[in-house]
């Protein structure tokens, strides 16, 4: 009977240690998850800021201003503009 009690005690202790270990691992993984979610949120915010910055840099007025001031480009007069027709079928070859 004492052997059975010792065996059961050993099983209970092993189960308790396994439970503590699994709870500790779960808490550690949850903490890691929280950190990764925080990093993902920061990256999302930065992505939004970069998209806003890109749209600001690509505005038509800014591009026209750079083309005229830095590259000394001008819009040609209408007599110098020539339209090129598309091929039949609607696409380029």
PDB file of N, CA and C in Angstrom:
ATOM      1  N   UNK A   1       0.823  -1.197   0.000  1.00  0.00           N
ATOM      2  CA  UNK A   1       0.000   0.000   0.000  1.00  0.00           C
ATOM      3  C   UNK A   1       0.871   1.266   0.000  1.00  0.00           C
ATOM      4  N   UNK A   2       2.000   1.232   0.734  1.00  0.00           N
ATOM      5  CA  UNK A   2       2.858   2.406   0.767  1.00  0.00           C
ATOM      6  C   UNK A   2       3.520   2.643  -0.584  1.00  0.00           C
ATOM      7  N   UNK A   3       3.801   1.560  -1.304  1.00  0.00           N
ATOM      8  CA  UNK A   3       4.363   1.731  -2.651  1.00  0.00           C
ATOM      9  C   UNK A   3       3.363   2.443  -3.566  1.00  0.00           C
ATOM     10  N   UNK A   4       2.120   2.053  -3.462  1.00  0.00           N
ATOM     11  CA  UNK A   4       1.071   2.683  -4.273  1.00  0.00           C
ATOM     12  C   UNK A   4       0.944   4.158  -3.899  1.00  0.00           C
ATOM     13  N   UNK A   5       0.989   4.475  -2.606  1.00  0.00           N
ATOM     14  CA  UNK A   5       0.903   5.866  -2.154  1.00  0.00           C
ATOM     15  C   UNK A   5       2.096   6.674  -2.661  1.00  0.00           C
ATOM     16  N   UNK A   6       3.299   6.100  -2.589  1.00  0.00           N
ATOM     17  CA  UNK A   6       4.483   6.793  -3.092  1.00  0.00           C
ATOM     18  C   UNK A   6       4.404   7.009  -4.599  1.00  0.00           C
ATOM     19  N   UNK A   7       3.901   6.024  -5.302  1.00  0.00           N
ATOM     20  CA  UNK A   7       3.736   6.152  -6.759  1.00  0.00           C
ATOM     21  C   UNK A   7       2.739   7.252  -7.093  1.00  0.00           C
ATOM     22  N   UNK A   8       1.619   7.249  -6.378  1.00  0.00           N
ATOM     23  CA  UNK A   8       0.605   8.286  -6.619  1.00  0.00           C
ATOM     24  C   UNK A   8       1.142   9.674  -6.252  1.00  0.00           C
ATOM     25  N   UNK A   9       1.909   9.757  -5.156  1.00  0.00           N
ATOM     26  CA  UNK A   9       2.510  11.031  -4.770  1.00  0.00           C
ATOM     27  C   UNK A   9       3.475  11.522  -5.849  1.00  0.00           C
ATOM     28  N   UNK A  10       4.286  10.623  -6.385  1.00  0.00           N
ATOM     29  CA  UNK A  10       5.222  10.988  -7.448  1.00  0.00           C
ATOM     30  C   UNK A  10       4.470  11.460  -8.686  1.00  0.00           C
ATOM     31  N   UNK A  11       3.385  10.809  -9.013  1.00  0.00           N
ATOM     32  CA  UNK A  11       2.579  11.218 -10.176  1.00  0.00           C
ATOM     33  C   UNK A  11       1.976  12.597  -9.936  1.00  0.00           C
ATOM     34  N   UNK A  12       1.456  12.836  -8.727  1.00  0.00           N
ATOM     35  CA  UNK A  12       0.856  14.136  -8.403  1.00  0.00           C
ATOM     36  C   UNK A  12       1.919  15.233  -8.475  1.00  0.00           C
ATOM     37  N   UNK A  13       3.107  14.974  -7.935  1.00  0.00           N
ATOM     38  CA  UNK A  13       4.181  15.968  -7.977  1.00  0.00           C
ATOM     39  C   UNK A  13       4.585  16.242  -9.431  1.00  0.00           C
ATOM     40  N   UNK A  14       4.700  15.188 -10.229  1.00  0.00           N
ATOM     41  CA  UNK A  14       5.053  15.363 -11.644  1.00  0.00           C
ATOM     42  C   UNK A  14       3.987  16.169 -12.373  1.00  0.00           C
ATOM     43  N   UNK A  15       2.723  15.898 -12.110  1.00  0.00           N
ATOM     44  CA  UNK A  15       1.636  16.654 -12.748  1.00  0.00           C
ATOM     45  C   UNK A  15       1.669  18.122 -12.306  1.00  0.00           C
ATOM     46  N   UNK A  16       1.938  18.361 -11.026  1.00  0.00           N
ATOM     47  CA  UNK A  16       2.004  19.732 -10.525  1.00  0.00           C
ATOM     48  C   UNK A  16       3.152  20.487 -11.181  1.00  0.00           C
ATOM     49  N   UNK A  17       4.300  19.847 -11.310  1.00  0.00           N
ATOM     50  CA  UNK A  17       5.433  20.497 -11.972  1.00  0.00           C
ATOM     51  C   UNK A  17       5.138  20.762 -13.444  1.00  0.00           C
ATOM     52  N   UNK A  18       4.476  19.829 -14.083  1.00  0.00           N
ATOM     53  CA  UNK A  18       4.112  20.027 -15.489  1.00  0.00           C
ATOM     54  C   UNK A  18       3.131  21.189 -15.633  1.00  0.00           C
ATOM     55  N   UNK A  19       2.193  21.303 -14.710  1.00  0.00           N
ATOM     56  CA  UNK A  19       1.217  22.397 -14.747  1.00  0.00           C
ATOM     57  C   UNK A  19       1.913  23.745 -14.557  1.00  0.00           C
ATOM     58  N   UNK A  20       2.809  23.827 -13.580  1.00  0.00           N
ATOM     59  CA  UNK A  20       3.531  25.075 -13.327  1.00  0.00           C
ATOM     60  C   UNK A  20       4.376  25.439 -14.541  1.00  0.00           C
ATOM     61  N   UNK A  21       5.043  24.460 -15.119  1.00  0.00           N
ATOM     62  CA  UNK A  21       5.878  24.716 -16.292  1.00  0.00           C
ATOM     63  C   UNK A  21       5.039  25.208 -17.468  1.00  0.00           C
ATOM     64  N   UNK A  22       3.909  24.570 -17.704  1.00  0.00           N
ATOM     65  CA  UNK A  22       3.072  24.981 -18.843  1.00  0.00           C
ATOM     66  C   UNK A  22       2.464  26.358 -18.615  1.00  0.00           C
ATOM     67  N   UNK A  23       2.081  26.674 -17.374  1.00  0.00           N
ATOM     68  CA  UNK A  23       1.546  28.008 -17.093  1.00  0.00           C
ATOM     69  C   UNK A  23       2.626  29.075 -17.287  1.00  0.00           C
ATOM     70  N   UNK A  24       3.836  28.781 -16.830  1.00  0.00           N
ATOM     71  CA  UNK A  24       4.934  29.737 -17.007  1.00  0.00           C
ATOM     72  C   UNK A  24       5.213  29.968 -18.493  1.00  0.00           C
ATOM     73  N   UNK A  25       5.223  28.877 -19.259  1.00  0.00           N
ATOM     74  CA  UNK A  25       5.459  29.001 -20.703  1.00  0.00           C
ATOM     75  C   UNK A  25       4.339  29.799 -21.371  1.00  0.00           C
ATOM     76  N   UNK A  26       3.097  29.550 -20.958  1.00  0.00           N
ATOM     77  CA  UNK A  26       1.964  30.281 -21.539  1.00  0.00           C
ATOM     78  C   UNK A  26       2.065  31.772 -21.230  1.00  0.00           C
ATOM     79  N   UNK A  27       2.448  32.109 -20.000  1.00  0.00           N
ATOM     80  CA  UNK A  27       2.586  33.530 -19.641  1.00  0.00           C
ATOM     81  C   UNK A  27       3.713  34.189 -20.422  1.00  0.00           C
ATOM     82  N   UNK A  28       4.813  33.471 -20.583  1.00  0.00           N
ATOM     83  CA  UNK A  28       5.947  34.008 -21.337  1.00  0.00           C
ATOM     84  C   UNK A  28       5.557  34.236 -22.799  1.00  0.00           C
ATOM     85  N   UNK A  29       4.856  33.264 -23.372  1.00  0.00           N
ATOM     86  CA  UNK A  29       4.431  33.403 -24.765  1.00  0.00           C
ATOM     87  C   UNK A  29       3.424  34.528 -24.930  1.00  0.00           C
ATOM     88  N   UNK A  30       2.526  34.704 -23.943  1.00  0.00           N
ATOM     89  CA  UNK A  30       1.559  35.792 -24.013  1.00  0.00           C
ATOM     90  C   UNK A  30       2.276  37.139 -23.943  1.00  0.00           C
ATOM     91  N   UNK A  31       3.292  37.221 -23.097  1.00  0.00           N
ATOM     92  CA  UNK A  31       4.078  38.450 -22.999  1.00  0.00           C
ATOM     93  C   UNK A  31       4.771  38.743 -24.328  1.00  0.00           C
ATOM     94  N   UNK A  32       5.335  37.712 -24.943  1.00  0.00           N
ATOM     95  CA  UNK A  32       5.959  37.874 -26.263  1.00  0.00           C
ATOM     96  C   UNK A  32       4.947  38.334 -27.299  1.00  0.00           C
ATOM     97  N   UNK A  33       3.751  37.754 -27.238  1.00  0.00           N
ATOM     98  CA  UNK A  33       2.687  38.132 -28.175  1.00  0.00           C
ATOM     99  C   UNK A  33       2.346  39.605 -28.021  1.00  0.00           C
ATOM    100  N   UNK A  34       2.232  40.067 -26.778  1.00  0.00           N
ATOM    101  CA  UNK A  34       1.919  41.479 -26.531  1.00  0.00           C
ATOM    102  C   UNK A  34       3.011  42.379 -27.115  1.00  0.00           C
ATOM    103  N   UNK A  35       4.257  42.000 -26.934  1.00  0.00           N
ATOM    104  CA  UNK A  35       5.365  42.797 -27.461  1.00  0.00           C
ATOM    105  C   UNK A  35       5.320  42.834 -28.986  1.00  0.00           C
ATOM    106  N   UNK A  36       5.059  41.694 -29.615  1.00  0.00           N
ATOM    107  CA  UNK A  36       5.004  41.650 -31.076  1.00  0.00           C
ATOM    108  C   UNK A  36       3.822  42.456 -31.613  1.00  0.00           C
ATOM    109  N   UNK A  37       2.692  42.430 -30.899  1.00  0.00           N
ATOM    110  CA  UNK A  37       1.535  43.216 -31.322  1.00  0.00           C
ATOM    111  C   UNK A  37       1.838  44.714 -31.205  1.00  0.00           C
ATOM    112  N   UNK A  38       2.569  45.090 -30.169  1.00  0.00           N
ATOM    113  CA  UNK A  38       2.958  46.493 -30.019  1.00  0.00           C
ATOM    114  C   UNK A  38       3.886  46.919 -31.154  1.00  0.00           C
ATOM    115  N   UNK A  39       4.823  46.056 -31.508  1.00  0.00           N
ATOM    116  CA  UNK A  39       5.725  46.349 -32.628  1.00  0.00           C
ATOM    117  C   UNK A  39       4.929  46.465 -33.925  1.00  0.00           C
ATOM    118  N   UNK A  40       3.968  45.551 -34.129  1.00  0.00           N
ATOM    119  CA  UNK A  40       3.142  45.596 -35.344  1.00  0.00           C
ATOM    120  C   UNK A  40       2.340  46.893 -35.401  1.00  0.00           C
ATOM    121  N   UNK A  41       1.836  47.336 -34.263  1.00  0.00           N
ATOM    122  CA  UNK A  41       1.074  48.591 -34.233  1.00  0.00           C
ATOM    123  C   UNK A  41       1.973  49.774 -34.600  1.00  0.00           C
ATOM    124  N   UNK A  42       3.185  49.794 -34.054  1.00  0.00           N
ATOM    125  CA  UNK A  42       4.125  50.877 -34.386  1.00  0.00           C
ATOM    126  C   UNK A  42       4.462  50.870 -35.869  1.00  0.00           C
ATOM    127  N   UNK A  43       4.632  49.678 -36.433  1.00  0.00           N
ATOM    128  CA  UNK A  43       4.937  49.568 -37.861  1.00  0.00           C
ATOM    129  C   UNK A  43       3.753  50.057 -38.695  1.00  0.00           C
ATOM    130  N   UNK A  44       2.524  49.730 -38.266  1.00  0.00           N
ATOM    131  CA  UNK A  44       1.340  50.213 -38.980  1.00  0.00           C
ATOM    132  C   UNK A  44       1.265  51.733 -38.960  1.00  0.00           C
ATOM    133  N   UNK A  45       1.571  52.331 -37.805  1.00  0.00           N
ATOM    134  CA  UNK A  45       1.548  53.799 -37.694  1.00  0.00           C
ATOM    135  C   UNK A  45       2.608  54.399 -38.612  1.00  0.00           C
ATOM    136  N   UNK A  46       3.803  53.804 -38.595  1.00  0.00           N
ATOM    137  CA  UNK A  46       4.876  54.309 -39.453  1.00  0.00           C
ATOM    138  C   UNK A  46       4.509  54.173 -40.930  1.00  0.00           C
ATOM    139  N   UNK A  47       3.857  53.058 -41.299  1.00  0.00           N
ATOM    140  CA  UNK A  47       3.428  52.851 -42.685  1.00  0.00           C
ATOM    141  C   UNK A  47       2.443  53.937 -43.103  1.00  0.00           C
ATOM    142  N   UNK A  48       1.502  54.263 -42.224  1.00  0.00           N
ATOM    143  CA  UNK A  48       0.548  55.328 -42.527  1.00  0.00           C
ATOM    144  C   UNK A  48       1.243  56.667 -42.724  1.00  0.00           C
ATOM    145  N   UNK A  49       2.229  56.945 -41.871  1.00  0.00           N
ATOM    146  CA  UNK A  49       2.972  58.199 -42.005  1.00  0.00           C
ATOM    147  C   UNK A  49       3.760  58.232 -43.306  1.00  0.00           C
ATOM    148  N   UNK A  50       4.346  57.104 -43.684  1.00  0.00           N
ATOM    149  CA  UNK A  50       5.095  57.053 -44.942  1.00  0.00           C
ATOM    150  C   UNK A  50       4.176  57.232 -46.149  1.00  0.00           C
ATOM    151  N   UNK A  51       2.974  56.672 -46.072  1.00  0.00           N
ATOM    152  CA  UNK A  51       2.025  56.858 -47.179  1.00  0.00           C
ATOM    153  C   UNK A  51       1.632  58.327 -47.307  1.00  0.00           C
ATOM    154  N   UNK A  52       1.405  58.989 -46.161  1.00  0.00           N
ATOM    155  CA  UNK A  52       1.082  60.416 -46.207  1.00  0.00           C
ATOM    156  C   UNK A  52       2.244  61.226 -46.781  1.00  0.00           C
ATOM    157  N   UNK A  53       3.437  60.878 -46.357  1.00  0.00           N
ATOM    158  CA  UNK A  53       4.617  61.580 -46.864  1.00  0.00           C
ATOM    159  C   UNK A  53       4.781  61.364 -48.366  1.00  0.00           C
ATOM    160  N   UNK A  54       4.550  60.138 -48.809  1.00  0.00           N
ATOM    161  CA  UNK A  54       4.667  59.853 -50.240  1.00  0.00           C
ATOM    162  C   UNK A  54       3.640  60.648 -51.036  1.00  0.00           C
ATOM    163  N   UNK A  55       2.419  60.714 -50.532  1.00  0.00           N
ATOM    164  CA  UNK A  55       1.400  61.466 -51.266  1.00  0.00           C
ATOM    165  C   UNK A  55       1.735  62.956 -51.285  1.00  0.00           C
ATOM    166  N   UNK A  56       2.358  63.451 -50.215  1.00  0.00           N
ATOM    167  CA  UNK A  56       2.754  64.868 -50.194  1.00  0.00           C
ATOM    168  C   UNK A  56       3.869  65.126 -51.197  1.00  0.00           C
ATOM    169  N   UNK A  57       4.828  64.216 -51.296  1.00  0.00           N
ATOM    170  CA  UNK A  57       5.942  64.392 -52.223  1.00  0.00           C
ATOM    171  C   UNK A  57       5.497  64.237 -53.675  1.00  0.00           C
ATOM    172  N   UNK A  58       4.422  63.511 -53.915  1.00  0.00           N
ATOM    173  CA  UNK A  58       4.006  63.220 -55.281  1.00  0.00           C
ATOM    174  C   UNK A  58       2.864  64.113 -55.770  1.00  0.00           C
ATOM    175  N   UNK A  59       2.587  65.209 -55.084  1.00  0.00           N
ATOM    176  CA  UNK A  59       1.503  66.078 -55.539  1.00  0.00           C
ATOM    177  C   UNK A  59       1.877  66.720 -56.876  1.00  0.00           C
ATOM    178  N   UNK A  60       0.868  66.946 -57.657  1.00  0.00           N
ATOM    179  CA  UNK A  60       1.082  67.498 -59.002  1.00  0.00           C
ATOM    180  C   UNK A  60       1.760  68.867 -58.952  1.00  0.00           C
ATOM    181  N   UNK A  61       1.328  69.698 -58.027  1.00  0.00           N
ATOM    182  CA  UNK A  61       1.903  71.048 -57.952  1.00  0.00           C
ATOM    183  C   UNK A  61       3.383  70.993 -57.577  1.00  0.00           C
ATOM    184  N   UNK A  62       3.771  70.096 -56.693  1.00  0.00           N
ATOM    185  CA  UNK A  62       5.177  69.978 -56.311  1.00  0.00           C
ATOM    186  C   UNK A  62       6.017  69.508 -57.489  1.00  0.00           C
ATOM    187  N   UNK A  63       5.504  68.505 -58.215  1.00  0.00           N
ATOM    188  CA  UNK A  63       6.241  67.981 -59.368  1.00  0.00           C
ATOM    189  C   UNK A  63       6.386  69.059 -60.439  1.00  0.00           C
ATOM    190  N   UNK A  64       5.311  69.809 -60.681  1.00  0.00           N
ATOM    191  CA  UNK A  64       5.379  70.888 -61.670  1.00  0.00           C
ATOM    192  C   UNK A  64       6.374  71.962 -61.223  1.00  0.00           C
ATOM    193  N   UNK A  65       6.380  72.268 -59.948  1.00  0.00           N
ATOM    194  CA  UNK A  65       7.298  73.284 -59.432  1.00  0.00           C
ATOM    195  C   UNK A  65       8.752  72.837 -59.617  1.00  0.00           C
ATOM    196  N   UNK A  66       9.057  71.602 -59.306  1.00  0.00           N
ATOM    197  CA  UNK A  66      10.423  71.088 -59.479  1.00  0.00           C
ATOM    198  C   UNK A  66      10.792  71.057 -60.958  1.00  0.00           C
ATOM    199  N   UNK A  67       9.837  70.632 -61.805  1.00  0.00           N
ATOM    200  CA  UNK A  67      10.117  70.563 -63.244  1.00  0.00           C
ATOM    201  C   UNK A  67      10.446  71.941 -63.806  1.00  0.00           C
ATOM    202  N   UNK A  68       9.743  72.959 -63.366  1.00  0.00           N
ATOM    203  CA  UNK A  68       9.993  74.295 -63.922  1.00  0.00           C
ATOM    204  C   UNK A  68      11.195  74.983 -63.285  1.00  0.00           C
ATOM    205  N   UNK A  69      11.357  74.871 -61.969  1.00  0.00           N
ATOM    206  CA  UNK A  69      12.438  75.610 -61.303  1.00  0.00           C
ATOM    207  C   UNK A  69      13.780  74.898 -61.388  1.00  0.00           C
ATOM    208  N   UNK A  70      13.813  73.601 -61.126  1.00  0.00           N
ATOM    209  CA  UNK A  70      15.096  72.900 -61.082  1.00  0.00           C
ATOM    210  C   UNK A  70      15.503  72.316 -62.424  1.00  0.00           C
ATOM    211  N   UNK A  71      14.536  71.838 -63.182  1.00  0.00           N
ATOM    212  CA  UNK A  71      14.856  71.190 -64.458  1.00  0.00           C
ATOM    213  C   UNK A  71      14.638  72.113 -65.654  1.00  0.00           C
ATOM    214  N   UNK A  72      14.113  73.290 -65.384  1.00  0.00           N
ATOM    215  CA  UNK A  72      13.867  74.303 -66.422  1.00  0.00           C
ATOM    216  C   UNK A  72      13.012  73.741 -67.569  1.00  0.00           C
ATOM    217  N   UNK A  73      12.009  73.003 -67.220  1.00  0.00           N
ATOM    218  CA  UNK A  73      11.093  72.446 -68.222  1.00  0.00           C
ATOM    219  C   UNK A  73       9.916  73.405 -68.393  1.00  0.00           C
ATOM    220  N   UNK A  74       9.352  73.404 -69.586  1.00  0.00           N
ATOM    221  CA  UNK A  74       8.175  74.229 -69.855  1.00  0.00           C
ATOM    222  C   UNK A  74       7.143  73.380 -70.585  1.00  0.00           C
ATOM    223  N   UNK A  75       5.898  73.794 -70.488  1.00  0.00           N
ATOM    224  CA  UNK A  75       4.830  73.118 -71.224  1.00  0.00           C
ATOM    225  C   UNK A  75       4.890  73.613 -72.659  1.00  0.00           C
ATOM    226  N   UNK A  76       4.934  72.705 -73.633  1.00  0.00           N
ATOM    227  CA  UNK A  76       5.017  73.160 -75.024  1.00  0.00           C
ATOM    228  C   UNK A  76       3.708  73.823 -75.455  1.00  0.00           C
ATOM    229  N   UNK A  77       3.805  74.714 -76.418  1.00  0.00           N
ATOM    230  CA  UNK A  77       2.571  75.336 -76.915  1.00  0.00           C
ATOM    231  C   UNK A  77       1.700  74.289 -77.619  1.00  0.00           C
ATOM    232  N   UNK A  78       0.397  74.544 -77.686  1.00  0.00           N
ATOM    233  CA  UNK A  78      -0.515  73.557 -78.289  1.00  0.00           C
ATOM    234  C   UNK A  78      -0.158  73.184 -79.729  1.00  0.00           C
ATOM    235  N   UNK A  79       0.495  74.067 -80.451  1.00  0.00           N
ATOM    236  CA  UNK A  79       0.855  73.757 -81.836  1.00  0.00           C
ATOM    237  C   UNK A  79       1.961  72.716 -81.912  1.00  0.00           C
ATOM    238  N   UNK A  80       2.717  72.532 -80.847  1.00  0.00           N
ATOM    239  CA  UNK A  80       3.820  71.565 -80.829  1.00  0.00           C
ATOM    240  C   UNK A  80       3.397  70.215 -80.241  1.00  0.00           C
ATOM    241  N   UNK A  81       2.154  70.127 -79.773  1.00  0.00           N
ATOM    242  CA  UNK A  81       1.661  68.884 -79.173  1.00  0.00           C
ATOM    243  C   UNK A  81       1.041  68.033 -80.268  1.00  0.00           C
ATOM    244  N   UNK A  82       1.401  66.773 -80.316  1.00  0.00           N
ATOM    245  CA  UNK A  82       0.877  65.873 -81.344  1.00  0.00           C
ATOM    246  C   UNK A  82       0.328  64.625 -80.655  1.00  0.00           C
ATOM    247  N   UNK A  83      -0.916  64.291 -80.939  1.00  0.00           N
ATOM    248  CA  UNK A  83      -1.549  63.104 -80.354  1.00  0.00           C
ATOM    249  C   UNK A  83      -1.164  61.874 -81.167  1.00  0.00           C
ATOM    250  N   UNK A  84      -0.860  60.802 -80.478  1.00  0.00           N
ATOM    251  CA  UNK A  84      -0.489  59.555 -81.136  1.00  0.00           C
ATOM    252  C   UNK A  84      -1.656  58.588 -80.974  1.00  0.00           C
ATOM    253  N   UNK A  85      -2.239  58.122 -82.087  1.00  0.00           N
ATOM    254  CA  UNK A  85      -3.399  57.225 -81.972  1.00  0.00           C
ATOM    255  C   UNK A  85      -2.962  55.834 -81.496  1.00  0.00           C
ATOM    256  N   UNK A  86      -3.881  55.165 -80.803  1.00  0.00           N
ATOM    257  CA  UNK A  86      -3.663  53.790 -80.385  1.00  0.00           C
ATOM    258  C   UNK A  86      -3.908  52.840 -81.551  1.00  0.00           C
ATOM    259  N   UNK A  87      -3.275  51.677 -81.531  1.00  0.00           N
ATOM    260  CA  UNK A  87      -3.558  50.674 -82.544  1.00  0.00           C
ATOM    261  C   UNK A  87      -4.957  50.116 -82.331  1.00  0.00           C
ATOM    262  N   UNK A  88      -5.522  49.568 -83.369  1.00  0.00           N
ATOM    263  CA  UNK A  88      -6.836  48.925 -83.254  1.00  0.00           C
ATOM    264  C   UNK A  88      -6.684  47.745 -82.298  1.00  0.00           C
ATOM    265  N   UNK A  89      -7.612  47.571 -81.406  1.00  0.00           N
ATOM    266  CA  UNK A  89      -7.530  46.521 -80.416  1.00  0.00           C
ATOM    267  C   UNK A  89      -7.350  47.103 -79.020  1.00  0.00           C
ATOM    268  N   UNK A  90      -7.020  48.376 -78.932  1.00  0.00           N
ATOM    269  CA  UNK A  90      -6.998  49.069 -77.664  1.00  0.00           C
ATOM    270  C   UNK A  90      -5.755  48.919 -76.822  1.00  0.00           C
ATOM    271  N   UNK A  91      -4.750  48.200 -77.258  1.00  0.00           N
ATOM    272  CA  UNK A  91      -3.589  48.019 -76.401  1.00  0.00           C
ATOM    273  C   UNK A  91      -2.291  48.316 -77.133  1.00  0.00           C
ATOM    274  N   UNK A  92      -1.220  48.346 -76.371  1.00  0.00           N
ATOM    275  CA  UNK A  92       0.090  48.584 -76.967  1.00  0.00           C
ATOM    276  C   UNK A  92       0.713  47.243 -77.339  1.00  0.00           C
ATOM    277  N   UNK A  93       1.545  47.263 -78.326  1.00  0.00           N
ATOM    278  CA  UNK A  93       2.212  46.019 -78.766  1.00  0.00           C
ATOM    279  C   UNK A  93       3.659  46.043 -78.460  1.00  0.00           C
TER     280      UNK A  93
END
